[in-house]
C-alpha atoms as a PDB file:
ATOM      1  CA  MET A   1      14.097   2.264  -6.117  1.00  0.00           C
ATOM      2  CA  GLY A   2      17.739   2.805  -5.050  1.00  0.00           C
ATOM      3  CA  ASN A   3      20.506   0.705  -3.561  1.00  0.00           C
ATOM      4  CA  THR A   4      20.005   0.098   0.403  1.00  0.00           C
ATOM      5  CA  THR A   5      23.552  -0.747   0.937  1.00  0.00           C
ATOM      6  CA  PRO A   6      25.039   2.062   3.056  1.00  0.00           C
ATOM      7  CA  SER A   7      28.293   3.976   2.491  1.00  0.00           C
ATOM      8  CA  PRO A   8      30.583   3.935   5.418  1.00  0.00           C
ATOM      9  CA  SER A   9      29.317   7.112   6.875  1.00  0.00           C
ATOM     10  CA  ARG A  10      25.749   6.147   6.542  1.00  0.00           C
ATOM     11  CA  THR A  11      23.390   3.720   8.571  1.00  0.00           C
ATOM     12  CA  CYS A  12      20.462   1.709   7.028  1.00  0.00           C
ATOM     13  CA  PHE A  13      17.260   2.339   8.540  1.00  0.00           C
ATOM     14  CA  LYS A  14      13.885   0.603   8.422  1.00  0.00           C
ATOM     15  CA  ALA A  15      10.797   2.707   9.126  1.00  0.00           C
ATOM     16  CA  THR A  16       7.027   1.960   9.422  1.00  0.00           C
ATOM     17  CA  ILE A  17       4.919   4.649   8.037  1.00  0.00           C
ATOM     18  CA  ALA A  18       1.164   5.376   7.664  1.00  0.00           C
ATOM     19  CA  TYR A  19      -0.416   7.935   5.215  1.00  0.00           C
ATOM     20  CA  ASP A  20      -3.670   9.446   3.968  1.00  0.00           C
ATOM     21  CA  GLY A  21      -3.257   8.934   0.201  1.00  0.00           C
ATOM     22  CA  THR A  22      -6.137  11.341  -0.780  1.00  0.00           C
ATOM     23  CA  ASP A  23      -3.972  14.205  -1.643  1.00  0.00           C
ATOM     24  CA  PHE A  24      -0.904  12.277  -2.965  1.00  0.00           C
ATOM     25  CA  PHE A  25      -0.345  11.152  -6.660  1.00  0.00           C
ATOM     26  CA  GLY A  26       0.650   7.720  -5.271  1.00  0.00           C
ATOM     27  CA  PHE A  27       3.830   6.477  -3.364  1.00  0.00           C
ATOM     28  CA  GLN A  28       6.518   6.503  -6.207  1.00  0.00           C
ATOM     29  CA  ILE A  29       8.263   9.734  -6.923  1.00  0.00           C
ATOM     30  CA  GLN A  30       6.992  11.549  -9.960  1.00  0.00           C
ATOM     31  CA  ALA A  31       8.256  14.785 -11.529  1.00  0.00           C
ATOM     32  CA  GLN A  32       5.885  17.845 -10.752  1.00  0.00           C
ATOM     33  CA  GLU A  33       3.607  15.685  -8.600  1.00  0.00           C
ATOM     34  CA  ARG A  34       3.076  15.384  -4.819  1.00  0.00           C
ATOM     35  CA  THR A  35       4.035  11.773  -3.764  1.00  0.00           C
ATOM     36  CA  VAL A  36       4.793   9.953  -0.430  1.00  0.00           C
ATOM     37  CA  GLN A  37       8.298   8.997  -1.569  1.00  0.00           C
ATOM     38  CA  GLY A  38       8.922  12.458  -2.813  1.00  0.00           C
ATOM     39  CA  THR A  39       7.728  14.104   0.408  1.00  0.00           C
ATOM     40  CA  LEU A  40       9.734  11.582   2.448  1.00  0.00           C
ATOM     41  CA  GLU A  41      12.849  12.259   0.648  1.00  0.00           C
ATOM     42  CA  THR A  42      12.611  15.975   0.860  1.00  0.00           C
ATOM     43  CA  VAL A  43      12.181  15.848   4.598  1.00  0.00           C
ATOM     44  CA  LEU A  44      15.009  13.205   4.965  1.00  0.00           C
ATOM     45  CA  GLN A  45      17.240  15.490   2.713  1.00  0.00           C
ATOM     46  CA  THR A  46      16.552  18.493   5.119  1.00  0.00           C
ATOM     47  CA  ILE A  47      17.594  16.379   8.227  1.00  0.00           C
ATOM     48  CA  ALA A  48      20.616  14.699   6.537  1.00  0.00           C
ATOM     49  CA  ARG A  49      21.703  17.873   4.513  1.00  0.00           C
ATOM     50  CA  ALA A  50      22.427  15.330   1.693  1.00  0.00           C
ATOM     51  CA  PRO A  51      20.434  13.471  -0.896  1.00  0.00           C
ATOM     52  CA  VAL A  52      18.591  10.476   0.415  1.00  0.00           C
ATOM     53  CA  ARG A  53      16.774   7.826  -1.606  1.00  0.00           C
ATOM     54  CA  VAL A  54      13.779   5.912  -0.097  1.00  0.00           C
ATOM     55  CA  THR A  55      12.974   2.363  -0.994  1.00  0.00           C
ATOM     56  CA  GLY A  56       9.181   1.180  -0.202  1.00  0.00           C
ATOM     57  CA  ALA A  57       7.817  -2.292   0.288  1.00  0.00           C
ATOM     58  CA  GLY A  58       5.074  -1.291  -2.225  1.00  0.00           C
ATOM     59  CA  ARG A  59       3.874   1.282  -4.609  1.00  0.00           C
ATOM     60  CA  THR A  60       0.355   2.425  -3.918  1.00  0.00           C
ATOM     61  CA  ASP A  61      -1.599   4.336  -6.535  1.00  0.00           C
ATOM     62  CA  ALA A  62      -3.081   7.819  -6.249  1.00  0.00           C
ATOM     63  CA  GLY A  63      -5.600   8.050  -3.411  1.00  0.00           C
ATOM     64  CA  VAL A  64      -4.724   4.858  -1.630  1.00  0.00           C
ATOM     65  CA  HIS A  65      -4.024   4.945   1.958  1.00  0.00           C
ATOM     66  CA  ALA A  66      -1.473   2.746   3.864  1.00  0.00           C
ATOM     67  CA  THR A  67      -0.717   1.709   7.474  1.00  0.00           C
ATOM     68  CA  GLY A  68       2.260  -0.402   8.238  1.00  0.00           C
ATOM     69  CA  GLN A  69       4.074   0.441   4.869  1.00  0.00           C
ATOM     70  CA  VAL A  70       7.740  -0.414   5.356  1.00  0.00           C
ATOM     71  CA  ILE A  71      10.461   1.890   3.900  1.00  0.00           C
ATOM     72  CA  ALA A  72      14.254   1.701   4.112  1.00  0.00           C
ATOM     73  CA  PHE A  73      16.831   4.454   3.628  1.00  0.00           C
ATOM     74  CA  GLN A  74      20.540   5.446   4.344  1.00  0.00           C
ATOM     75  CA  LEU A  75      21.172   8.259   6.654  1.00  0.00           C
ATOM     76  CA  PRO A  76      24.290   9.718   8.280  1.00  0.00           C
ATOM     77  CA  TRP A  77      22.641   9.884  11.894  1.00  0.00           C
ATOM     78  CA  ARG A  78      24.337   9.919  15.167  1.00  0.00           C
ATOM     79  CA  HIS A  79      21.319   9.948  17.403  1.00  0.00           C
ATOM     80  CA  THR A  80      18.833   7.102  18.278  1.00  0.00           C
ATOM     81  CA  PRO A  81      16.228   5.794  16.078  1.00  0.00           C
ATOM     82  CA  ALA A  82      13.598   7.238  18.321  1.00  0.00           C
ATOM     83  CA  ASP A  83      15.186  10.637  17.863  1.00  0.00           C
ATOM     84  CA  LEU A  84      15.173  10.138  14.006  1.00  0.00           C
ATOM     85  CA  GLN A  85      11.226   9.173  14.313  1.00  0.00           C
ATOM     86  CA  ASN A  86      10.667  12.329  16.408  1.00  0.00           C
ATOM     87  CA  ALA A  87      12.587  14.466  13.859  1.00  0.00           C
ATOM     88  CA  LEU A  88      10.695  13.119  10.790  1.00  0.00           C
ATOM     89  CA  ASN A  89       7.269  13.478  12.338  1.00  0.00           C
ATOM     90  CA  ALA A  90       8.112  17.090  13.357  1.00  0.00           C
ATOM     91  CA  ASN A  91       8.936  17.952   9.735  1.00  0.00           C
ATOM     92  CA  LEU A  92       6.328  15.754   7.798  1.00  0.00           C
ATOM     93  CA  PRO A  93       2.999  16.966   6.725  1.00  0.00           C
ATOM     94  CA  PRO A  94       0.022  15.689   8.832  1.00  0.00           C
ATOM     95  CA  ASP A  95      -0.999  13.182   6.225  1.00  0.00           C
ATOM     96  CA  ILE A  96       2.226  10.987   6.753  1.00  0.00           C
ATOM     97  CA  VAL A  97       3.167   9.645  10.135  1.00  0.00           C
ATOM     98  CA  VAL A  98       6.323   7.600  10.943  1.00  0.00           C
ATOM     99  CA  GLN A  99       5.213   4.853  13.107  1.00  0.00           C
ATOM    100  CA  HIS A 100       8.458   3.108  14.031  1.00  0.00           C
ATOM    101  CA  VAL A 101      12.033   3.426  13.123  1.00  0.00           C
ATOM    102  CA  THR A 102      14.841   0.901  13.705  1.00  0.00           C
ATOM    103  CA  ILE A 103      18.385   0.054  12.409  1.00  0.00           C
ATOM    104  CA  ALA A 104      18.298  -2.538   9.653  1.00  0.00           C
ATOM    105  CA  PRO A 105      20.955  -4.792   8.127  1.00  0.00           C
ATOM    106  CA  PRO A 106      23.100  -3.118   5.408  1.00  0.00           C
ATOM    107  CA  ASN A 107      21.409  -5.180   2.710  1.00  0.00           C
ATOM    108  CA  PHE A 108      17.889  -4.952   3.894  1.00  0.00           C
ATOM    109  CA  HIS A 109      15.285  -4.318   1.169  1.00  0.00           C
ATOM    110  CA  PRO A 110      11.679  -3.763   1.982  1.00  0.00           C
ATOM    111  CA  ARG A 111      10.262  -4.942  -1.232  1.00  0.00           C
ATOM    112  CA  PHE A 112      12.381  -8.130  -1.715  1.00  0.00           C
ATOM    113  CA  ASP A 113      12.354  -9.033   2.055  1.00  0.00           C
ATOM    114  CA  ALA A 114       8.612  -8.776   2.470  1.00  0.00           C
ATOM    115  CA  ARG A 115       6.802 -12.001   3.165  1.00  0.00           C
ATOM    116  CA  ARG A 116       3.332 -10.822   2.507  1.00  0.00           C
ATOM    117  CA  ARG A 117       1.250  -7.825   1.691  1.00  0.00           C
ATOM    118  CA  GLN A 118      -2.390  -6.934   2.443  1.00  0.00           C
ATOM    119  CA  TYR A 119      -4.927  -4.672   0.876  1.00  0.00           C
ATOM    120  CA  ARG A 120      -8.303  -3.734   2.220  1.00  0.00           C
ATOM    121  CA  TYR A 121     -11.046  -1.999   0.352  1.00  0.00           C
ATOM    122  CA  THR A 122     -14.086  -0.568   1.947  1.00  0.00           C
ATOM    123  CA  ILE A 123     -17.352  -0.108   0.070  1.00  0.00           C
ATOM    124  CA  LEU A 124     -20.422   1.788   1.350  1.00  0.00           C
ATOM    125  CA  ASN A 125     -23.462  -0.076  -0.052  1.00  0.00           C
ATOM    126  CA  GLN A 126     -26.522   2.217   0.515  1.00  0.00           C
ATOM    127  CA  PRO A 127     -28.586   4.586  -1.629  1.00  0.00           C
ATOM    128  CA  LEU A 128     -26.730   7.775  -0.634  1.00  0.00           C
ATOM    129  CA  PRO A 129     -23.039   8.410   0.005  1.00  0.00           C
ATOM    130  CA  ASP A 130     -21.739   9.461   3.353  1.00  0.00           C
ATOM    131  CA  VAL A 131     -19.883  12.638   2.908  1.00  0.00           C
ATOM    132  CA  LEU A 132     -18.028  12.265   6.075  1.00  0.00           C
ATOM    133  CA  ARG A 133     -16.497   8.968   4.936  1.00  0.00           C
ATOM    134  CA  ARG A 134     -15.972   9.776   1.235  1.00  0.00           C
ATOM    135  CA  ARG A 135     -12.284   9.678   1.533  1.00  0.00           C
ATOM    136  CA  TYR A 136     -12.132   6.146   2.933  1.00  0.00           C
ATOM    137  CA  THR A 137     -15.043   4.381   1.294  1.00  0.00           C
ATOM    138  CA  ALA A 138     -16.078   3.574  -2.209  1.00  0.00           C
ATOM    139  CA  HIS A 139     -19.863   4.321  -2.617  1.00  0.00           C
ATOM    140  CA  ILE A 140     -22.117   1.856  -4.766  1.00  0.00           C
ATOM    141  CA  ALA A 141     -25.825   2.487  -4.524  1.00  0.00           C
ATOM    142  CA  PRO A 142     -27.191  -0.795  -5.929  1.00  0.00           C
ATOM    143  CA  PRO A 143     -27.542  -3.683  -3.490  1.00  0.00           C
ATOM    144  CA  LEU A 144     -24.624  -6.118  -3.769  1.00  0.00           C
ATOM    145  CA  GLN A 145     -25.078  -9.785  -3.428  1.00  0.00           C
ATOM    146  CA  VAL A 146     -22.307 -10.327  -0.753  1.00  0.00           C
ATOM    147  CA  GLU A 147     -22.648 -14.094  -0.650  1.00  0.00           C
ATOM    148  CA  ARG A 148     -21.930 -14.297  -4.452  1.00  0.00           C
ATOM    149  CA  MET A 149     -18.922 -12.110  -3.956  1.00  0.00           C
ATOM    150  CA  GLN A 150     -17.636 -14.349  -1.152  1.00  0.00           C
ATOM    151  CA  GLN A 151     -17.881 -17.327  -3.228  1.00  0.00           C
ATOM    152  CA  ALA A 152     -15.941 -15.824  -6.021  1.00  0.00           C
ATOM    153  CA  SER A 153     -13.351 -14.579  -3.634  1.00  0.00           C
ATOM    154  CA  ARG A 154     -12.708 -18.230  -2.480  1.00  0.00           C
ATOM    155  CA  LEU A 155     -11.486 -18.944  -6.104  1.00  0.00           C
ATOM    156  CA  LEU A 156      -8.607 -16.459  -5.677  1.00  0.00           C
ATOM    157  CA  LEU A 157      -7.012 -18.471  -2.894  1.00  0.00           C
ATOM    158  CA  GLY A 158      -3.854 -20.441  -3.723  1.00  0.00           C
ATOM    159  CA  THR A 159      -1.185 -20.031  -6.442  1.00  0.00           C
ATOM    160  CA  HIS A 160      -2.508 -18.889  -9.672  1.00  0.00           C
ATOM    161  CA  ASP A 161      -1.521 -16.850 -12.779  1.00  0.00           C
ATOM    162  CA  PHE A 162      -3.256 -13.429 -12.301  1.00  0.00           C
ATOM    163  CA  ALA A 163      -2.230 -11.970 -15.728  1.00  0.00           C
ATOM    164  CA  ALA A 164      -5.816 -11.058 -16.457  1.00  0.00           C
ATOM    165  CA  PHE A 165      -5.895  -8.652 -13.381  1.00  0.00           C
ATOM    166  CA  GLY A 166      -2.650  -6.790 -13.892  1.00  0.00           C
ATOM    167  CA  ARG A 167       1.035  -6.766 -14.822  1.00  0.00           C
ATOM    168  CA  PRO A 168       4.116  -7.329 -12.955  1.00  0.00           C
ATOM    169  CA  PRO A 169       6.275  -4.389 -11.707  1.00  0.00           C
ATOM    170  CA  GLN A 170       9.312  -5.880 -13.114  1.00  0.00           C
ATOM    171  CA  GLY A 171       9.982  -8.914 -15.381  1.00  0.00           C
ATOM    172  CA  ASP A 172       7.139 -11.084 -16.807  1.00  0.00           C
ATOM    173  CA  ASN A 173       6.153 -13.339 -13.804  1.00  0.00           C
ATOM    174  CA  THR A 174       2.467 -13.035 -13.106  1.00  0.00           C
ATOM    175  CA  VAL A 175       1.986 -15.920 -10.766  1.00  0.00           C
ATOM    176  CA  ARG A 176       0.982 -14.809  -7.102  1.00  0.00           C
ATOM    177  CA  THR A 177       0.057 -16.720  -4.061  1.00  0.00           C
ATOM    178  CA  VAL A 178      -3.118 -15.443  -2.279  1.00  0.00           C
ATOM    179  CA  THR A 179      -3.543 -16.595   1.213  1.00  0.00           C
ATOM    180  CA  GLN A 180      -6.632 -14.677   2.162  1.00  0.00           C
ATOM    181  CA  ALA A 181      -9.491 -13.155   0.243  1.00  0.00           C
ATOM    182  CA  GLU A 182     -12.830 -12.439   2.057  1.00  0.00           C
ATOM    183  CA  TRP A 183     -15.624  -9.957   2.572  1.00  0.00           C
ATOM    184  CA  GLN A 184     -16.852  -8.738   5.899  1.00  0.00           C
ATOM    185  CA  ALA A 185     -20.103  -6.862   6.236  1.00  0.00           C
ATOM    186  CA  ARG A 186     -21.120  -4.412   9.026  1.00  0.00           C
ATOM    187  CA  GLY A 187     -24.415  -3.059   8.167  1.00  0.00           C
ATOM    188  CA  SER A 188     -24.009  -1.199   4.844  1.00  0.00           C
ATOM    189  CA  GLU A 189     -20.275  -1.156   5.153  1.00  0.00           C
ATOM    190  CA  LEU A 190     -18.354  -3.986   3.182  1.00  0.00           C
ATOM    191  CA  THR A 191     -14.704  -4.599   3.608  1.00  0.00           C
ATOM    192  CA  PHE A 192     -12.670  -6.736   1.287  1.00  0.00           C
ATOM    193  CA  THR A 193      -9.227  -7.927   2.528  1.00  0.00           C
ATOM    194  CA  ILE A 194      -6.786  -9.796   0.407  1.00  0.00           C
ATOM    195  CA  THR A 195      -3.382 -11.063   1.278  1.00  0.00           C
ATOM    196  CA  ALA A 196      -0.659 -12.281  -0.797  1.00  0.00           C
ATOM    197  CA  ASN A 197       3.075 -12.705  -1.176  1.00  0.00           C
ATOM    198  CA  ALA A 198       3.106  -9.983  -3.776  1.00  0.00           C
ATOM    199  CA  PHE A 199       0.523  -8.302  -6.117  1.00  0.00           C
ATOM    200  CA  LEU A 200       0.664  -7.304  -9.618  1.00  0.00           C
ATOM    201  CA  TYR A 201       0.303  -3.636 -10.765  1.00  0.00           C
ATOM    202  CA  ARG A 202      -3.464  -2.668 -10.494  1.00  0.00           C
ATOM    203  CA  MET A 203      -4.178  -6.433  -9.592  1.00  0.00           C
ATOM    204  CA  VAL A 204      -6.226  -5.529  -6.362  1.00  0.00           C
ATOM    205  CA  ARG A 205      -8.298  -2.798  -8.088  1.00  0.00           C
ATOM    206  CA  ASN A 206      -9.114  -5.031 -10.860  1.00  0.00           C
ATOM    207  CA  VAL A 207     -10.083  -8.010  -8.562  1.00  0.00           C
ATOM    208  CA  VAL A 208     -12.469  -5.858  -6.554  1.00  0.00           C
ATOM    209  CA  GLY A 209     -13.933  -4.288  -9.664  1.00  0.00           C
ATOM    210  CA  THR A 210     -14.627  -7.960 -10.828  1.00  0.00           C
ATOM    211  CA  LEU A 211     -16.028  -8.904  -7.629  1.00  0.00           C
ATOM    212  CA  ILE A 212     -18.488  -5.879  -7.490  1.00  0.00           C
ATOM    213  CA  GLN A 213     -19.575  -7.089 -11.018  1.00  0.00           C
ATOM    214  CA  VAL A 214     -20.215 -10.491  -9.530  1.00  0.00           C
ATOM    215  CA  GLY A 215     -22.337  -8.792  -6.583  1.00  0.00           C
ATOM    216  CA  LEU A 216     -24.295  -6.785  -9.045  1.00  0.00           C
ATOM    217  CA  GLY A 217     -25.238 -10.124 -10.901  1.00  0.00           C
ATOM    218  CA  ARG A 218     -23.472  -9.062 -14.140  1.00  0.00           C
ATOM    219  CA  LEU A 219     -21.022 -11.906 -13.872  1.00  0.00           C
ATOM    220  CA  GLU A 220     -21.078 -15.364 -12.907  1.00  0.00           C
ATOM    221  CA  VAL A 221     -19.221 -16.729  -9.832  1.00  0.00           C
ATOM    222  CA  ASP A 222     -17.031 -18.796 -11.737  1.00  0.00           C
END
């Protein structure tokens, strides 16, 4: 992920970004694949005329969208953070937007300094899919029992070992603290929001998949 301690000629910047993940192969840079990190580093290198490494607060998977994703990078920049934001947005593709840029402390790290993270999954629960919302919703045709899913979600709250739902990005600690896990229904659209101090790799995807099985009556609440 890179070291965020700047060299004497560089300043450490913190930026907040949003992106449509449909056409990205996830956040983390990968050879021969279009990724959010790789796209950001290419644009920053063009601006700085030198290699720039981007560090992110989280690594979203392929097809996952984000808003409020925090990144950090070192850059030899003599203008204002607002000028840097404008330069980035002028050069980035339309599926990435830099929402805010500020100067950060030299040792700032978006992953280790993050206090919480939040994911939202949106499901369209109706017989036919909506072609205009297919990029931003998962379609499930059979009726879901939302109250059962809500009951199961409450069991996630608190500090637990979530090894059954994923693996840690580093080390072997699989204990996480979940402070929010709830469903909201608006007509046929169901939104699941989960907030925690951190997540395991694929933890949220596996949690949602399990809750859907509960909603379909294939698993018990407990």
